[in-house]
C-alpha cells in the first residue's frame, strides 16, 4: 500500500480582494461624512462665540467713551438707540459734551454695523443730578464719578442650525 502524500501548497493569495477594498472605502467615506458634519458644527459654534466676544468688546468700547465724557454722561446724552448721524466738530469749533456723546454713539454704531450682522445698540443710563457744589460749566468741570448704572444692549443676527436667530448681549454696568 502506497500512500501518496501531497505537499502542502502555499496559499498563492497575497493582498486584498477588490470586494474588501470597496467595503473599506465605503466605511471610510461614512466616517469622513461624520467628521465633516462635526467640523461644520464646530466652525459655526466657533463663529458664534467670536460674535459674542466682539459684542462684549464693543460694549467695553462704548463704556470707555462714556467714562471719557463724564459731562455727557451726567447730562444723559448717551441714552437711547444708536443711529448713524453726521455730527462734526473741528479745532475751530470743538465739540460740546452732547456733540461728543453723539459722535461717540455714531462711531459705535458704525463699528456695530461692520462687525455684527444686522446689529442694533441701545444705551439706557439712570439719570442723576449733580451733587451740590459742582457747577455745570461744560468741558472744564471736574465731574465726579457717575453714581448710576447703565444698561447696554447689543442685538444681532446669528446663523444656527435652524437658520438665522436673533442674539443679544445685555450688560448692566456703572461707568
N, C-alpha and C. Protein backbone atom coordinates (compact mmCIF):
# COMPACT_ATOMS: atom_id res chain seq x y z
N UNK A 1 0.82 -1.15 0.00
CA UNK A 1 0.00 0.00 0.00
C UNK A 1 0.89 1.24 0.00
N UNK A 2 0.59 1.99 -0.96
CA UNK A 2 1.36 3.22 -1.08
C UNK A 2 0.49 4.40 -0.70
N UNK A 3 1.07 5.23 0.05
CA UNK A 3 0.35 6.45 0.44
C UNK A 3 1.05 7.61 -0.25
N UNK A 4 0.21 8.30 -0.95
CA UNK A 4 0.75 9.49 -1.59
C UNK A 4 0.50 10.70 -0.72
N UNK A 5 1.50 11.28 -0.35
CA UNK A 5 1.35 12.49 0.46
C UNK A 5 1.46 13.70 -0.46
N UNK A 6 0.46 14.47 -0.36
CA UNK A 6 0.52 15.69 -1.19
C UNK A 6 1.24 16.77 -0.41
N UNK A 7 2.00 17.43 -1.11
CA UNK A 7 2.71 18.53 -0.49
C UNK A 7 1.73 19.68 -0.25
N UNK A 8 1.89 20.27 0.93
CA UNK A 8 1.04 21.45 1.20
C UNK A 8 1.51 22.59 0.31
N UNK A 9 0.58 22.99 -0.52
CA UNK A 9 0.92 24.11 -1.41
C UNK A 9 0.67 25.41 -0.66
N UNK A 10 1.61 26.31 -0.71
CA UNK A 10 1.39 27.59 -0.06
C UNK A 10 0.25 28.34 -0.74
N UNK A 11 -0.48 29.14 0.06
CA UNK A 11 -1.57 29.93 -0.47
C UNK A 11 -0.99 31.02 -1.35
N UNK A 12 -1.43 31.04 -2.57
CA UNK A 12 -0.87 32.00 -3.51
C UNK A 12 -1.51 33.38 -3.41
N UNK A 13 -2.59 33.51 -2.60
CA UNK A 13 -3.27 34.79 -2.48
C UNK A 13 -2.51 35.68 -1.50
N UNK A 14 -2.01 36.78 -1.98
CA UNK A 14 -1.31 37.73 -1.14
C UNK A 14 -1.91 39.11 -1.40
N UNK A 15 -2.52 39.73 -0.38
CA UNK A 15 -3.14 41.04 -0.56
C UNK A 15 -4.65 40.96 -0.36
N UNK A 16 -5.32 42.02 -0.74
CA UNK A 16 -6.76 42.12 -0.53
C UNK A 16 -7.49 41.94 -1.84
N UNK A 17 -8.71 41.49 -1.71
CA UNK A 17 -9.53 41.36 -2.91
C UNK A 17 -10.20 42.70 -3.19
N UNK A 18 -10.72 42.83 -4.35
CA UNK A 18 -11.37 44.07 -4.75
C UNK A 18 -12.60 44.35 -3.88
N UNK A 19 -13.34 43.33 -3.50
CA UNK A 19 -14.52 43.49 -2.65
C UNK A 19 -14.12 44.04 -1.28
N UNK A 20 -13.06 43.55 -0.70
CA UNK A 20 -12.60 44.04 0.60
C UNK A 20 -12.20 45.50 0.54
N UNK A 21 -11.54 45.89 -0.53
CA UNK A 21 -11.12 47.28 -0.70
C UNK A 21 -12.33 48.19 -0.84
N UNK A 22 -13.32 47.78 -1.61
CA UNK A 22 -14.52 48.59 -1.79
C UNK A 22 -15.29 48.75 -0.48
N UNK A 23 -15.39 47.69 0.30
CA UNK A 23 -16.10 47.76 1.59
C UNK A 23 -15.36 48.70 2.53
N UNK A 24 -14.05 48.62 2.56
CA UNK A 24 -13.29 49.51 3.44
C UNK A 24 -13.42 50.97 2.99
N UNK A 25 -13.48 51.22 1.68
CA UNK A 25 -13.68 52.59 1.20
C UNK A 25 -15.05 53.13 1.58
N UNK A 26 -16.08 52.30 1.53
CA UNK A 26 -17.42 52.74 1.92
C UNK A 26 -17.44 53.09 3.41
N UNK A 27 -16.86 52.26 4.24
CA UNK A 27 -16.82 52.52 5.68
C UNK A 27 -16.03 53.80 5.96
N UNK A 28 -14.91 53.97 5.29
CA UNK A 28 -14.09 55.16 5.47
C UNK A 28 -14.83 56.43 5.03
N UNK A 29 -15.60 56.35 3.93
CA UNK A 29 -16.33 57.53 3.46
C UNK A 29 -17.44 57.91 4.44
N UNK A 30 -18.11 56.94 5.07
CA UNK A 30 -19.11 57.27 6.10
C UNK A 30 -18.44 57.96 7.29
N UNK A 31 -17.29 57.52 7.66
CA UNK A 31 -16.56 58.16 8.77
C UNK A 31 -16.20 59.60 8.41
N UNK A 32 -15.77 59.82 7.17
CA UNK A 32 -15.42 61.17 6.74
C UNK A 32 -16.63 62.10 6.72
N UNK A 33 -17.78 61.59 6.32
CA UNK A 33 -19.00 62.40 6.33
C UNK A 33 -19.34 62.81 7.77
N UNK A 34 -19.20 61.90 8.71
CA UNK A 34 -19.45 62.22 10.11
C UNK A 34 -18.49 63.26 10.64
N UNK A 35 -17.23 63.14 10.31
CA UNK A 35 -16.23 64.11 10.74
C UNK A 35 -16.50 65.48 10.11
N UNK A 36 -16.91 65.50 8.84
CA UNK A 36 -17.21 66.77 8.17
C UNK A 36 -18.39 67.48 8.83
N UNK A 37 -19.42 66.73 9.21
CA UNK A 37 -20.57 67.38 9.87
C UNK A 37 -20.18 67.91 11.25
N UNK A 38 -19.34 67.19 11.96
CA UNK A 38 -18.88 67.68 13.26
C UNK A 38 -18.03 68.94 13.08
N UNK A 39 -17.21 68.97 12.05
CA UNK A 39 -16.38 70.15 11.78
C UNK A 39 -17.26 71.36 11.44
N UNK A 40 -18.33 71.14 10.67
CA UNK A 40 -19.23 72.23 10.32
C UNK A 40 -19.89 72.81 11.57
N UNK A 41 -20.39 71.95 12.44
CA UNK A 41 -21.00 72.42 13.68
C UNK A 41 -19.98 73.14 14.55
N UNK A 42 -18.77 72.62 14.60
CA UNK A 42 -17.72 73.24 15.40
C UNK A 42 -17.37 74.63 14.87
N UNK A 43 -17.26 74.77 13.56
CA UNK A 43 -16.92 76.06 12.98
C UNK A 43 -18.04 77.07 13.21
N UNK A 44 -19.29 76.64 13.10
CA UNK A 44 -20.42 77.53 13.34
C UNK A 44 -20.44 77.98 14.80
N UNK A 45 -20.22 77.05 15.72
CA UNK A 45 -20.17 77.41 17.13
C UNK A 45 -19.01 78.35 17.44
N UNK A 46 -17.88 78.12 16.81
CA UNK A 46 -16.72 78.98 16.99
C UNK A 46 -17.02 80.40 16.49
N UNK A 47 -17.67 80.49 15.34
CA UNK A 47 -18.01 81.80 14.78
C UNK A 47 -19.01 82.53 15.67
N UNK A 48 -20.01 81.81 16.18
CA UNK A 48 -20.98 82.43 17.07
C UNK A 48 -20.33 82.91 18.37
N UNK A 49 -19.39 82.14 18.89
CA UNK A 49 -18.64 82.57 20.06
C UNK A 49 -17.81 83.81 19.77
N UNK A 50 -17.25 83.87 18.58
CA UNK A 50 -16.49 85.05 18.15
C UNK A 50 -17.40 86.28 18.13
N UNK A 51 -18.63 86.10 17.62
CA UNK A 51 -19.57 87.23 17.56
C UNK A 51 -19.91 87.72 18.97
N UNK A 52 -20.09 86.80 19.90
CA UNK A 52 -20.41 87.19 21.27
C UNK A 52 -19.24 87.93 21.91
N UNK A 53 -18.03 87.49 21.65
CA UNK A 53 -16.88 88.18 22.22
C UNK A 53 -16.71 89.56 21.59
N UNK A 54 -17.02 89.69 20.30
CA UNK A 54 -16.95 91.01 19.66
C UNK A 54 -18.00 91.94 20.25
N UNK A 55 -19.19 91.41 20.56
CA UNK A 55 -20.22 92.23 21.19
C UNK A 55 -19.76 92.72 22.56
N UNK A 56 -19.08 91.86 23.30
CA UNK A 56 -18.56 92.28 24.61
C UNK A 56 -17.47 93.34 24.46
N UNK A 57 -16.62 93.18 23.47
CA UNK A 57 -15.57 94.18 23.23
C UNK A 57 -16.18 95.52 22.83
N UNK A 58 -17.23 95.48 21.99
CA UNK A 58 -17.90 96.72 21.59
C UNK A 58 -18.59 97.39 22.77
N UNK A 59 -19.09 96.60 23.70
CA UNK A 59 -19.69 97.17 24.91
C UNK A 59 -18.63 97.88 25.74
N UNK A 60 -17.47 97.26 25.88
CA UNK A 60 -16.38 97.90 26.62
C UNK A 60 -15.95 99.19 25.92
N UNK A 61 -15.99 99.21 24.60
CA UNK A 61 -15.62 100.40 23.83
C UNK A 61 -16.53 101.58 24.19
N UNK A 62 -17.84 101.37 24.18
CA UNK A 62 -18.74 102.50 24.46
C UNK A 62 -18.65 102.91 25.93
N UNK A 63 -18.43 101.96 26.82
CA UNK A 63 -18.29 102.31 28.24
C UNK A 63 -17.04 103.17 28.44
N UNK A 64 -15.97 102.86 27.76
CA UNK A 64 -14.75 103.68 27.85
C UNK A 64 -14.99 105.08 27.33
N UNK A 65 -15.75 105.18 26.24
CA UNK A 65 -16.07 106.50 25.70
C UNK A 65 -16.93 107.30 26.68
N UNK A 66 -17.86 106.61 27.35
CA UNK A 66 -18.72 107.28 28.32
C UNK A 66 -17.91 107.78 29.51
N UNK A 67 -16.95 106.99 29.95
CA UNK A 67 -16.10 107.40 31.08
C UNK A 67 -15.22 108.59 30.71
N UNK A 68 -14.88 108.70 29.44
CA UNK A 68 -14.04 109.82 28.99
C UNK A 68 -14.86 111.11 28.85
N UNK A 69 -16.17 111.01 28.76
CA UNK A 69 -17.05 112.17 28.60
C UNK A 69 -18.06 112.19 29.73
N UNK A 70 -17.59 112.42 30.96
CA UNK A 70 -18.49 112.40 32.12
C UNK A 70 -19.56 113.49 32.05
N UNK A 71 -19.24 114.61 31.43
CA UNK A 71 -20.25 115.67 31.30
C UNK A 71 -21.42 115.18 30.45
N UNK A 72 -21.13 114.55 29.35
CA UNK A 72 -22.19 114.00 28.50
C UNK A 72 -22.96 112.89 29.18
N UNK A 73 -22.28 112.09 29.99
CA UNK A 73 -22.93 111.01 30.72
C UNK A 73 -23.87 111.57 31.78
N UNK A 74 -23.39 112.55 32.55
CA UNK A 74 -24.23 113.17 33.59
C UNK A 74 -25.45 113.84 32.98
N UNK A 75 -25.31 114.41 31.80
CA UNK A 75 -26.42 115.11 31.15
C UNK A 75 -27.37 114.17 30.42
N UNK A 76 -27.06 112.87 30.38
CA UNK A 76 -27.96 111.89 29.75
C UNK A 76 -27.86 111.85 28.23
N UNK A 77 -26.74 112.33 27.68
CA UNK A 77 -26.61 112.39 26.23
C UNK A 77 -26.32 111.04 25.57
N UNK A 78 -25.98 110.03 26.36
CA UNK A 78 -25.70 108.71 25.78
C UNK A 78 -26.95 107.83 25.70
N UNK A 79 -28.03 108.25 26.34
CA UNK A 79 -29.23 107.42 26.36
C UNK A 79 -29.88 107.31 24.98
N UNK A 80 -30.47 106.16 24.73
CA UNK A 80 -31.23 105.94 23.50
C UNK A 80 -30.56 104.95 22.58
N UNK A 81 -31.27 104.67 21.49
CA UNK A 81 -30.74 103.75 20.49
C UNK A 81 -29.75 104.49 19.61
N UNK A 82 -28.65 103.84 19.30
CA UNK A 82 -27.62 104.49 18.50
C UNK A 82 -27.98 104.39 17.02
N UNK A 83 -27.76 105.47 16.32
CA UNK A 83 -28.03 105.54 14.88
C UNK A 83 -26.88 106.26 14.21
N UNK A 84 -26.81 106.12 12.91
CA UNK A 84 -25.78 106.81 12.15
C UNK A 84 -26.19 108.27 12.02
N UNK A 85 -25.27 109.17 12.19
CA UNK A 85 -25.56 110.60 12.11
C UNK A 85 -24.47 111.34 11.39
N UNK A 86 -24.47 112.63 11.59
CA UNK A 86 -23.47 113.45 10.90
C UNK A 86 -22.95 114.56 11.83
N UNK A 87 -22.56 114.18 13.02
CA UNK A 87 -22.00 115.16 13.95
C UNK A 87 -20.59 115.51 13.51
N UNK A 88 -20.32 116.79 13.43
CA UNK A 88 -18.97 117.23 13.05
C UNK A 88 -18.47 118.24 14.07
N UNK A 89 -17.25 118.10 14.40
CA UNK A 89 -16.55 119.04 15.27
C UNK A 89 -15.19 119.30 14.64
N UNK A 90 -14.62 120.42 14.96
CA UNK A 90 -13.30 120.74 14.41
C UNK A 90 -12.48 121.46 15.47
N UNK A 91 -11.27 121.78 15.12
CA UNK A 91 -10.41 122.51 16.04
C UNK A 91 -10.95 123.93 16.25
N UNK A 92 -11.59 124.48 15.23
CA UNK A 92 -12.15 125.83 15.35
C UNK A 92 -13.42 125.82 16.21
N UNK A 93 -14.21 124.79 16.09
CA UNK A 93 -15.44 124.67 16.89
C UNK A 93 -15.43 123.31 17.60
N UNK A 94 -14.84 123.26 18.80
CA UNK A 94 -14.75 121.97 19.49
C UNK A 94 -16.13 121.45 19.89
N UNK A 95 -16.18 120.17 20.12
CA UNK A 95 -17.44 119.51 20.48
C UNK A 95 -17.87 119.90 21.88
N UNK A 96 -19.16 120.05 22.04
CA UNK A 96 -19.74 120.16 23.38
C UNK A 96 -19.86 118.74 23.91
N UNK A 97 -20.13 118.56 25.21
CA UNK A 97 -20.31 117.20 25.72
C UNK A 97 -21.43 116.43 25.00
N UNK A 98 -22.50 117.14 24.63
CA UNK A 98 -23.60 116.48 23.91
C UNK A 98 -23.15 116.06 22.52
N UNK A 99 -22.42 116.91 21.82
CA UNK A 99 -21.93 116.56 20.49
C UNK A 99 -20.92 115.42 20.55
N UNK A 100 -20.07 115.43 21.57
CA UNK A 100 -19.10 114.35 21.74
C UNK A 100 -19.81 113.02 22.00
N UNK A 101 -20.88 113.06 22.79
CA UNK A 101 -21.66 111.84 23.03
C UNK A 101 -22.29 111.35 21.73
N UNK A 102 -22.82 112.28 20.92
CA UNK A 102 -23.39 111.89 19.62
C UNK A 102 -22.32 111.30 18.71
N UNK A 103 -21.15 111.93 18.71
CA UNK A 103 -20.04 111.43 17.89
C UNK A 103 -19.61 110.03 18.35
N UNK A 104 -19.55 109.82 19.67
CA UNK A 104 -19.20 108.50 20.20
C UNK A 104 -20.24 107.46 19.79
N UNK A 105 -21.51 107.80 19.90
CA UNK A 105 -22.58 106.85 19.54
C UNK A 105 -22.56 106.54 18.04
N UNK A 106 -22.28 107.55 17.21
CA UNK A 106 -22.20 107.33 15.76
C UNK A 106 -21.03 106.41 15.42
N UNK A 107 -19.90 106.65 16.04
CA UNK A 107 -18.74 105.79 15.81
C UNK A 107 -19.02 104.36 16.27
N UNK A 108 -19.67 104.24 17.41
CA UNK A 108 -20.03 102.92 17.94
C UNK A 108 -21.02 102.22 17.02
N UNK A 109 -21.97 102.97 16.47
CA UNK A 109 -22.94 102.41 15.53
C UNK A 109 -22.23 101.85 14.29
N UNK A 110 -21.28 102.61 13.74
CA UNK A 110 -20.55 102.13 12.56
C UNK A 110 -19.76 100.86 12.88
N UNK A 111 -19.17 100.80 14.08
CA UNK A 111 -18.43 99.59 14.48
C UNK A 111 -19.38 98.41 14.62
N UNK A 112 -20.55 98.64 15.19
CA UNK A 112 -21.54 97.57 15.31
C UNK A 112 -21.92 97.02 13.94
N UNK A 113 -22.18 97.93 13.01
CA UNK A 113 -22.61 97.52 11.68
C UNK A 113 -21.52 96.77 10.91
N UNK A 114 -20.27 97.13 11.14
CA UNK A 114 -19.16 96.48 10.44
C UNK A 114 -18.87 95.10 10.99
N UNK A 115 -19.03 94.91 12.29
CA UNK A 115 -18.59 93.67 12.92
C UNK A 115 -19.72 92.66 13.09
N UNK A 116 -20.90 93.13 13.48
CA UNK A 116 -22.02 92.22 13.76
C UNK A 116 -23.12 92.41 12.72
N UNK A 117 -23.60 91.33 12.10
CA UNK A 117 -24.63 91.46 11.06
C UNK A 117 -25.99 91.87 11.65
N UNK A 118 -26.64 92.80 10.98
CA UNK A 118 -27.98 93.29 11.37
C UNK A 118 -28.03 93.69 12.84
N UNK A 119 -27.07 94.48 13.27
CA UNK A 119 -26.95 94.80 14.70
C UNK A 119 -27.60 96.12 15.05
N UNK A 120 -28.02 96.20 16.31
CA UNK A 120 -28.53 97.43 16.89
C UNK A 120 -27.91 97.59 18.27
N UNK A 121 -27.83 98.81 18.73
CA UNK A 121 -27.30 99.08 20.05
C UNK A 121 -28.19 100.06 20.80
N UNK A 122 -28.33 99.85 22.08
CA UNK A 122 -29.15 100.73 22.89
C UNK A 122 -28.45 100.97 24.23
N UNK A 123 -28.52 102.23 24.70
CA UNK A 123 -27.92 102.60 25.97
C UNK A 123 -29.01 103.26 26.82
N UNK A 124 -29.13 102.80 28.04
CA UNK A 124 -30.13 103.35 28.95
C UNK A 124 -29.47 103.56 30.32
N UNK A 125 -29.13 104.82 30.60
CA UNK A 125 -28.48 105.15 31.87
C UNK A 125 -29.48 105.83 32.80
N UNK A 126 -29.35 105.55 34.08
CA UNK A 126 -30.17 106.24 35.07
C UNK A 126 -29.79 107.71 35.07
N UNK A 127 -30.76 108.56 35.30
CA UNK A 127 -30.45 109.98 35.37
C UNK A 127 -30.24 110.38 36.82
N UNK A 128 -29.27 111.23 37.02
CA UNK A 128 -28.93 111.74 38.35
C UNK A 128 -28.66 113.23 38.23
N UNK A 129 -28.84 113.92 39.32
CA UNK A 129 -28.46 115.33 39.36
C UNK A 129 -27.07 115.44 39.95
N UNK A 130 -26.38 116.45 39.53
CA UNK A 130 -25.02 116.66 40.05
C UNK A 130 -25.07 116.96 41.54
N UNK A 131 -24.10 116.47 42.28
CA UNK A 131 -24.08 116.76 43.71
C UNK A 131 -23.88 118.25 43.97
N UNK A 132 -24.27 118.73 45.14
CA UNK A 132 -24.09 120.16 45.44
C UNK A 132 -22.62 120.56 45.36
N UNK A 133 -22.40 121.75 44.88
CA UNK A 133 -21.04 122.27 44.79
C UNK A 133 -20.41 122.09 43.42
N UNK A 134 -20.99 121.26 42.56
CA UNK A 134 -20.46 121.08 41.21
C UNK A 134 -21.24 122.00 40.28
N UNK A 135 -20.55 122.90 39.66
CA UNK A 135 -21.18 123.84 38.74
C UNK A 135 -21.09 123.25 37.34
N UNK A 136 -22.21 123.14 36.69
CA UNK A 136 -22.23 122.59 35.34
C UNK A 136 -21.78 123.67 34.38
N UNK A 137 -20.49 123.66 34.05
CA UNK A 137 -19.92 124.70 33.18
C UNK A 137 -19.33 124.12 31.91
N UNK A 138 -19.80 122.97 31.46
CA UNK A 138 -19.32 122.44 30.19
C UNK A 138 -18.10 121.55 30.36
N UNK A 139 -17.12 121.77 29.50
CA UNK A 139 -15.98 120.87 29.42
C UNK A 139 -15.02 120.96 30.60
N UNK A 140 -14.88 122.13 31.20
CA UNK A 140 -13.81 122.34 32.16
C UNK A 140 -14.26 122.18 33.61
N UNK A 141 -15.12 121.22 33.84
CA UNK A 141 -15.58 120.94 35.19
C UNK A 141 -15.08 119.55 35.57
N UNK A 142 -14.63 119.43 36.80
CA UNK A 142 -14.21 118.12 37.29
C UNK A 142 -15.47 117.38 37.77
N UNK A 143 -16.03 116.59 36.90
CA UNK A 143 -17.24 115.86 37.25
C UNK A 143 -16.89 114.68 38.15
N UNK A 144 -17.73 114.42 39.14
CA UNK A 144 -17.49 113.23 39.99
C UNK A 144 -17.86 111.97 39.22
N UNK A 145 -17.44 110.82 39.69
CA UNK A 145 -17.83 109.57 39.03
C UNK A 145 -19.35 109.44 38.99
N UNK A 146 -19.84 108.83 37.95
CA UNK A 146 -21.28 108.67 37.76
C UNK A 146 -21.81 107.65 38.76
N UNK A 147 -22.80 108.00 39.57
CA UNK A 147 -23.26 107.08 40.62
C UNK A 147 -24.26 106.04 40.14
N UNK A 148 -24.81 106.24 38.96
CA UNK A 148 -25.86 105.33 38.48
C UNK A 148 -25.31 104.18 37.67
N UNK A 149 -26.23 103.42 37.11
CA UNK A 149 -25.86 102.30 36.26
C UNK A 149 -26.45 102.50 34.87
N UNK A 150 -25.82 101.87 33.91
CA UNK A 150 -26.28 101.92 32.52
C UNK A 150 -26.55 100.51 32.03
N UNK A 151 -27.63 100.36 31.29
CA UNK A 151 -27.95 99.09 30.64
C UNK A 151 -27.58 99.23 29.18
N UNK A 152 -26.63 98.43 28.75
CA UNK A 152 -26.18 98.47 27.35
C UNK A 152 -26.62 97.17 26.70
N UNK A 153 -27.35 97.30 25.59
CA UNK A 153 -27.87 96.14 24.88
C UNK A 153 -27.39 96.18 23.44
N UNK A 154 -26.84 95.06 22.99
CA UNK A 154 -26.45 94.90 21.59
C UNK A 154 -27.19 93.67 21.06
N UNK A 155 -27.87 93.83 19.93
CA UNK A 155 -28.59 92.72 19.30
C UNK A 155 -28.06 92.54 17.88
N UNK A 156 -28.03 91.28 17.43
CA UNK A 156 -27.57 90.97 16.07
C UNK A 156 -28.17 89.65 15.64
N UNK A 157 -27.99 89.32 14.36
CA UNK A 157 -28.47 88.05 13.80
C UNK A 157 -27.32 87.07 13.74
N UNK A 158 -27.61 85.83 14.09
CA UNK A 158 -26.61 84.78 14.13
C UNK A 158 -27.15 83.57 13.36
N UNK A 159 -26.30 82.88 12.64
CA UNK A 159 -26.72 81.72 11.86
C UNK A 159 -26.56 80.46 12.70
N UNK A 160 -27.67 79.72 12.87
CA UNK A 160 -27.67 78.46 13.61
C UNK A 160 -28.20 77.36 12.72
N UNK A 161 -28.39 76.17 13.30
CA UNK A 161 -28.87 75.03 12.52
C UNK A 161 -30.21 75.30 11.86
N UNK A 162 -31.06 76.07 12.53
CA UNK A 162 -32.40 76.32 12.02
C UNK A 162 -32.47 77.60 11.19
N UNK A 163 -31.36 78.18 10.85
CA UNK A 163 -31.34 79.40 10.06
C UNK A 163 -30.80 80.56 10.87
N UNK A 164 -31.37 81.73 10.64
CA UNK A 164 -30.93 82.94 11.33
C UNK A 164 -31.69 83.08 12.64
N UNK A 165 -30.96 83.43 13.69
CA UNK A 165 -31.55 83.59 15.01
C UNK A 165 -31.02 84.87 15.63
N UNK A 166 -31.91 85.65 16.25
CA UNK A 166 -31.50 86.89 16.88
C UNK A 166 -30.83 86.60 18.22
N UNK A 167 -29.72 87.27 18.46
CA UNK A 167 -28.96 87.14 19.70
C UNK A 167 -28.80 88.52 20.31
N UNK A 168 -28.55 88.57 21.59
CA UNK A 168 -28.30 89.86 22.22
C UNK A 168 -27.40 89.69 23.43
N UNK A 169 -26.68 90.76 23.73
CA UNK A 169 -25.86 90.86 24.92
C UNK A 169 -26.40 92.04 25.71
N UNK A 170 -26.73 91.81 26.97
CA UNK A 170 -27.22 92.87 27.83
C UNK A 170 -26.30 92.97 29.03
N UNK A 171 -25.76 94.16 29.23
CA UNK A 171 -24.80 94.34 30.31
C UNK A 171 -25.27 95.52 31.17
N UNK A 172 -25.25 95.31 32.45
CA UNK A 172 -25.55 96.36 33.42
C UNK A 172 -24.22 96.78 34.04
N UNK A 173 -23.86 98.04 33.87
CA UNK A 173 -22.53 98.48 34.26
C UNK A 173 -22.59 99.87 34.88
N UNK A 174 -21.67 100.15 35.76
CA UNK A 174 -21.53 101.50 36.30
C UNK A 174 -20.30 102.14 35.65
N UNK A 175 -20.54 103.08 34.73
CA UNK A 175 -19.39 103.68 34.03
C UNK A 175 -18.54 104.54 34.93
